Amino acid sequence: MKKITLVLLGSCLAIIFMIGCSTTNYIGANITKPTMLNGTSALSQKSTVIKSFAIEEYSSWYFWGLHIARDADLNTTITDEIAAVDGDAVINLKIQQTLTVKDYFLSLFTFGIWTRRTSFITGDVIKYN
């Protein structure tokens, strides 16, 4: 009977750890420079890529993804990249969110009460000629 109870308890815990929902909000409302997911709009004006960037941002949640603790901050990330080189816009913006090995073990260590995802943000800062 004790073995069955432990197996059932272990199964329930495994299911709880595998189930979770989370929503990531990428908010860029305060970015004052043009930001484009591809470079086609920039082709209408002559421009030069002056910097390519790749940044890691983190989003985190409490209670198996039910409550947002922190969203990835695109406002600061993109604005800082443009300001660092006095650029005019960002093109080829790509945002990829993934569960890294580090994220997995942090979530496992807290039994899913706090979880984290890594966002990889890449793009090109351009200067109009």
C-alpha atoms as a PDB file:
ATOM      1  CA  MET A   1       0.000   0.000   0.000  1.00  0.00           C
ATOM      2  CA  LYS A   2       2.856   2.354   0.832  1.00  0.00           C
ATOM      3  CA  LYS A   3       4.451   1.750  -2.593  1.00  0.00           C
ATOM      4  CA  ILE A   4       1.192   2.533  -4.398  1.00  0.00           C
ATOM      5  CA  THR A   5       0.798   5.760  -2.435  1.00  0.00           C
ATOM      6  CA  LEU A   6       4.351   6.836  -3.277  1.00  0.00           C
ATOM      7  CA  VAL A   7       3.867   5.990  -6.966  1.00  0.00           C
ATOM      8  CA  LEU A   8       0.584   7.958  -7.077  1.00  0.00           C
ATOM      9  CA  LEU A   9       2.149  10.909  -5.259  1.00  0.00           C
ATOM     10  CA  GLY A  10       5.168  10.858  -7.579  1.00  0.00           C
ATOM     11  CA  SER A  11       2.923  10.672 -10.638  1.00  0.00           C
ATOM     12  CA  CYS A  12       0.818  13.601  -9.422  1.00  0.00           C
ATOM     13  CA  LEU A  13       3.925  15.704  -8.768  1.00  0.00           C
ATOM     14  CA  ALA A  14       5.339  14.841 -12.206  1.00  0.00           C
ATOM     15  CA  ILE A  15       2.085  15.911 -13.858  1.00  0.00           C
ATOM     16  CA  ILE A  16       2.038  19.177 -11.898  1.00  0.00           C
ATOM     17  CA  PHE A  17       5.627  19.936 -12.965  1.00  0.00           C
ATOM     18  CA  MET A  18       4.848  19.231 -16.620  1.00  0.00           C
ATOM     19  CA  ILE A  19       1.636  21.247 -16.698  1.00  0.00           C
ATOM     20  CA  GLY A  20       1.939  24.980 -16.697  1.00  0.00           C
ATOM     21  CA  CYS A  21       0.855  27.897 -18.727  1.00  0.00           C
ATOM     22  CA  SER A  22       2.618  31.157 -19.267  1.00  0.00           C
ATOM     23  CA  THR A  23       2.126  34.209 -21.403  1.00  0.00           C
ATOM     24  CA  THR A  24       4.971  36.436 -22.473  1.00  0.00           C
ATOM     25  CA  ASN A  25       4.243  40.052 -23.276  1.00  0.00           C
ATOM     26  CA  TYR A  26       6.767  41.797 -25.475  1.00  0.00           C
ATOM     27  CA  ILE A  27       5.920  45.445 -24.995  1.00  0.00           C
ATOM     28  CA  GLY A  28       7.639  47.996 -27.167  1.00  0.00           C
ATOM     29  CA  ALA A  29       5.173  50.875 -26.884  1.00  0.00           C
ATOM     30  CA  ASN A  30       7.742  53.421 -25.672  1.00  0.00           C
ATOM     31  CA  ILE A  31      10.267  52.843 -28.461  1.00  0.00           C
ATOM     32  CA  THR A  32      10.457  56.118 -30.364  1.00  0.00           C
ATOM     33  CA  LYS A  33      12.534  54.861 -33.306  1.00  0.00           C
ATOM     34  CA  PRO A  34      11.086  52.650 -36.085  1.00  0.00           C
ATOM     35  CA  THR A  35      11.392  48.944 -35.353  1.00  0.00           C
ATOM     36  CA  MET A  36      10.730  46.396 -38.095  1.00  0.00           C
ATOM     37  CA  LEU A  37      10.652  42.621 -38.096  1.00  0.00           C
ATOM     38  CA  ASN A  38      12.182  42.538 -41.553  1.00  0.00           C
ATOM     39  CA  GLY A  39      14.266  44.866 -43.650  1.00  0.00           C
ATOM     40  CA  THR A  40      11.867  45.457 -46.545  1.00  0.00           C
ATOM     41  CA  SER A  41      10.549  48.766 -45.230  1.00  0.00           C
ATOM     42  CA  ALA A  42      14.077  50.054 -44.829  1.00  0.00           C
ATOM     43  CA  LEU A  43      14.814  49.306 -48.485  1.00  0.00           C
ATOM     44  CA  SER A  44      12.648  52.232 -49.591  1.00  0.00           C
ATOM     45  CA  GLN A  45      15.252  54.553 -48.046  1.00  0.00           C
ATOM     46  CA  LYS A  46      18.999  54.154 -48.396  1.00  0.00           C
ATOM     47  CA  SER A  47      20.432  52.949 -45.130  1.00  0.00           C
ATOM     48  CA  THR A  48      23.501  51.306 -43.680  1.00  0.00           C
ATOM     49  CA  VAL A  49      23.613  48.632 -40.978  1.00  0.00           C
ATOM     50  CA  ILE A  50      25.852  50.094 -38.301  1.00  0.00           C
ATOM     51  CA  LYS A  51      25.441  47.430 -35.635  1.00  0.00           C
ATOM     52  CA  SER A  52      24.060  43.928 -35.240  1.00  0.00           C
ATOM     53  CA  PHE A  53      23.029  42.910 -31.747  1.00  0.00           C
ATOM     54  CA  ALA A  54      22.133  39.725 -29.870  1.00  0.00           C
ATOM     55  CA  ILE A  55      20.792  39.996 -26.349  1.00  0.00           C
ATOM     56  CA  GLU A  56      19.346  37.600 -23.777  1.00  0.00           C
ATOM     57  CA  GLU A  57      16.342  38.777 -21.760  1.00  0.00           C
ATOM     58  CA  TYR A  58      14.432  36.821 -19.143  1.00  0.00           C
ATOM     59  CA  SER A  59      10.751  36.444 -18.348  1.00  0.00           C
ATOM     60  CA  SER A  60       9.579  34.763 -15.174  1.00  0.00           C
ATOM     61  CA  TRP A  61       6.362  33.567 -13.571  1.00  0.00           C
ATOM     62  CA  TYR A  62       5.067  32.374 -10.214  1.00  0.00           C
ATOM     63  CA  PHE A  63       2.789  29.441  -9.470  1.00  0.00           C
ATOM     64  CA  TRP A  64       3.415  27.263 -12.531  1.00  0.00           C
ATOM     65  CA  GLY A  65       3.063  30.180 -14.937  1.00  0.00           C
ATOM     66  CA  LEU A  66      -0.181  31.597 -13.586  1.00  0.00           C
ATOM     67  CA  HIS A  67       1.186  34.951 -12.361  1.00  0.00           C
ATOM     68  CA  ILE A  68       3.685  37.095 -14.279  1.00  0.00           C
ATOM     69  CA  ALA A  69       6.709  38.134 -12.239  1.00  0.00           C
ATOM     70  CA  ARG A  70       8.733  39.815 -15.007  1.00  0.00           C
ATOM     71  CA  ASP A  71       8.356  40.332 -18.751  1.00  0.00           C
ATOM     72  CA  ALA A  72      11.231  40.783 -21.168  1.00  0.00           C
ATOM     73  CA  ASP A  73      11.849  44.535 -21.450  1.00  0.00           C
ATOM     74  CA  LEU A  74      11.956  45.400 -25.149  1.00  0.00           C
ATOM     75  CA  ASN A  75      11.585  49.142 -24.474  1.00  0.00           C
ATOM     76  CA  THR A  76      14.908  49.402 -22.691  1.00  0.00           C
ATOM     77  CA  THR A  77      16.698  46.757 -24.763  1.00  0.00           C
ATOM     78  CA  ILE A  78      15.976  48.209 -28.190  1.00  0.00           C
ATOM     79  CA  THR A  79      16.183  51.865 -27.142  1.00  0.00           C
ATOM     80  CA  ASP A  80      19.609  51.255 -25.566  1.00  0.00           C
ATOM     81  CA  GLU A  81      20.887  49.457 -28.678  1.00  0.00           C
ATOM     82  CA  ILE A  82      19.795  52.320 -30.952  1.00  0.00           C
ATOM     83  CA  ALA A  83      21.160  55.017 -28.622  1.00  0.00           C
ATOM     84  CA  ALA A  84      24.531  53.276 -28.230  1.00  0.00           C
ATOM     85  CA  VAL A  85      25.394  53.921 -31.888  1.00  0.00           C
ATOM     86  CA  ASP A  86      23.076  56.888 -32.581  1.00  0.00           C
ATOM     87  CA  GLY A  87      21.020  54.799 -35.003  1.00  0.00           C
ATOM     88  CA  ASP A  88      17.766  55.659 -36.745  1.00  0.00           C
ATOM     89  CA  ALA A  89      15.886  52.345 -36.703  1.00  0.00           C
ATOM     90  CA  VAL A  90      16.035  48.609 -36.039  1.00  0.00           C
ATOM     91  CA  ILE A  91      15.413  46.074 -38.790  1.00  0.00           C
ATOM     92  CA  ASN A  92      15.437  42.271 -38.932  1.00  0.00           C
ATOM     93  CA  LEU A  93      14.201  42.066 -35.340  1.00  0.00           C
ATOM     94  CA  LYS A  94      13.893  38.472 -34.167  1.00  0.00           C
ATOM     95  CA  ILE A  95      12.632  37.311 -30.784  1.00  0.00           C
ATOM     96  CA  GLN A  96      12.950  33.664 -29.853  1.00  0.00           C
ATOM     97  CA  GLN A  97      11.822  32.373 -26.491  1.00  0.00           C
ATOM     98  CA  THR A  98      13.124  29.058 -25.221  1.00  0.00           C
ATOM     99  CA  LEU A  99      13.440  26.979 -22.094  1.00  0.00           C
ATOM    100  CA  THR A 100      17.168  26.600 -21.540  1.00  0.00           C
ATOM    101  CA  VAL A 101      18.788  23.948 -19.377  1.00  0.00           C
ATOM    102  CA  LYS A 102      19.446  26.599 -16.723  1.00  0.00           C
ATOM    103  CA  ASP A 103      15.780  27.702 -16.833  1.00  0.00           C
ATOM    104  CA  TYR A 104      14.654  24.104 -16.467  1.00  0.00           C
ATOM    105  CA  PHE A 105      16.793  23.423 -13.411  1.00  0.00           C
ATOM    106  CA  LEU A 106      15.784  26.724 -11.762  1.00  0.00           C
ATOM    107  CA  SER A 107      12.152  25.735 -12.216  1.00  0.00           C
ATOM    108  CA  LEU A 108      12.807  22.191 -11.000  1.00  0.00           C
ATOM    109  CA  PHE A 109      14.669  23.482  -7.923  1.00  0.00           C
ATOM    110  CA  THR A 110      11.630  25.617  -6.927  1.00  0.00           C
ATOM    111  CA  PHE A 111       9.139  22.845  -7.811  1.00  0.00           C
ATOM    112  CA  GLY A 112       7.630  25.098 -10.483  1.00  0.00           C
ATOM    113  CA  ILE A 113       6.567  27.790  -8.028  1.00  0.00           C
ATOM    114  CA  TRP A 114       8.937  30.158  -9.893  1.00  0.00           C
ATOM    115  CA  THR A 115       9.722  29.530 -13.554  1.00  0.00           C
ATOM    116  CA  ARG A 116      11.821  31.361 -16.096  1.00  0.00           C
ATOM    117  CA  ARG A 117      12.183  31.473 -19.891  1.00  0.00           C
ATOM    118  CA  THR A 118      15.024  33.004 -21.880  1.00  0.00           C
ATOM    119  CA  SER A 119      14.330  35.284 -24.838  1.00  0.00           C
ATOM    120  CA  PHE A 120      17.020  35.722 -27.471  1.00  0.00           C
ATOM    121  CA  ILE A 121      16.601  39.099 -29.191  1.00  0.00           C
ATOM    122  CA  THR A 122      18.581  39.865 -32.339  1.00  0.00           C
ATOM    123  CA  GLY A 123      18.440  42.643 -34.893  1.00  0.00           C
ATOM    124  CA  ASP A 124      20.309  45.243 -36.903  1.00  0.00           C
ATOM    125  CA  VAL A 125      20.540  48.941 -36.060  1.00  0.00           C
ATOM    126  CA  ILE A 126      20.562  51.108 -39.204  1.00  0.00           C
ATOM    127  CA  LYS A 127      21.420  54.686 -40.033  1.00  0.00           C
ATOM    128  CA  TYR A 128      19.586  56.372 -42.904  1.00  0.00           C
ATOM    129  CA  ASN A 129      21.917  57.979 -45.466  1.00  0.00           C
END
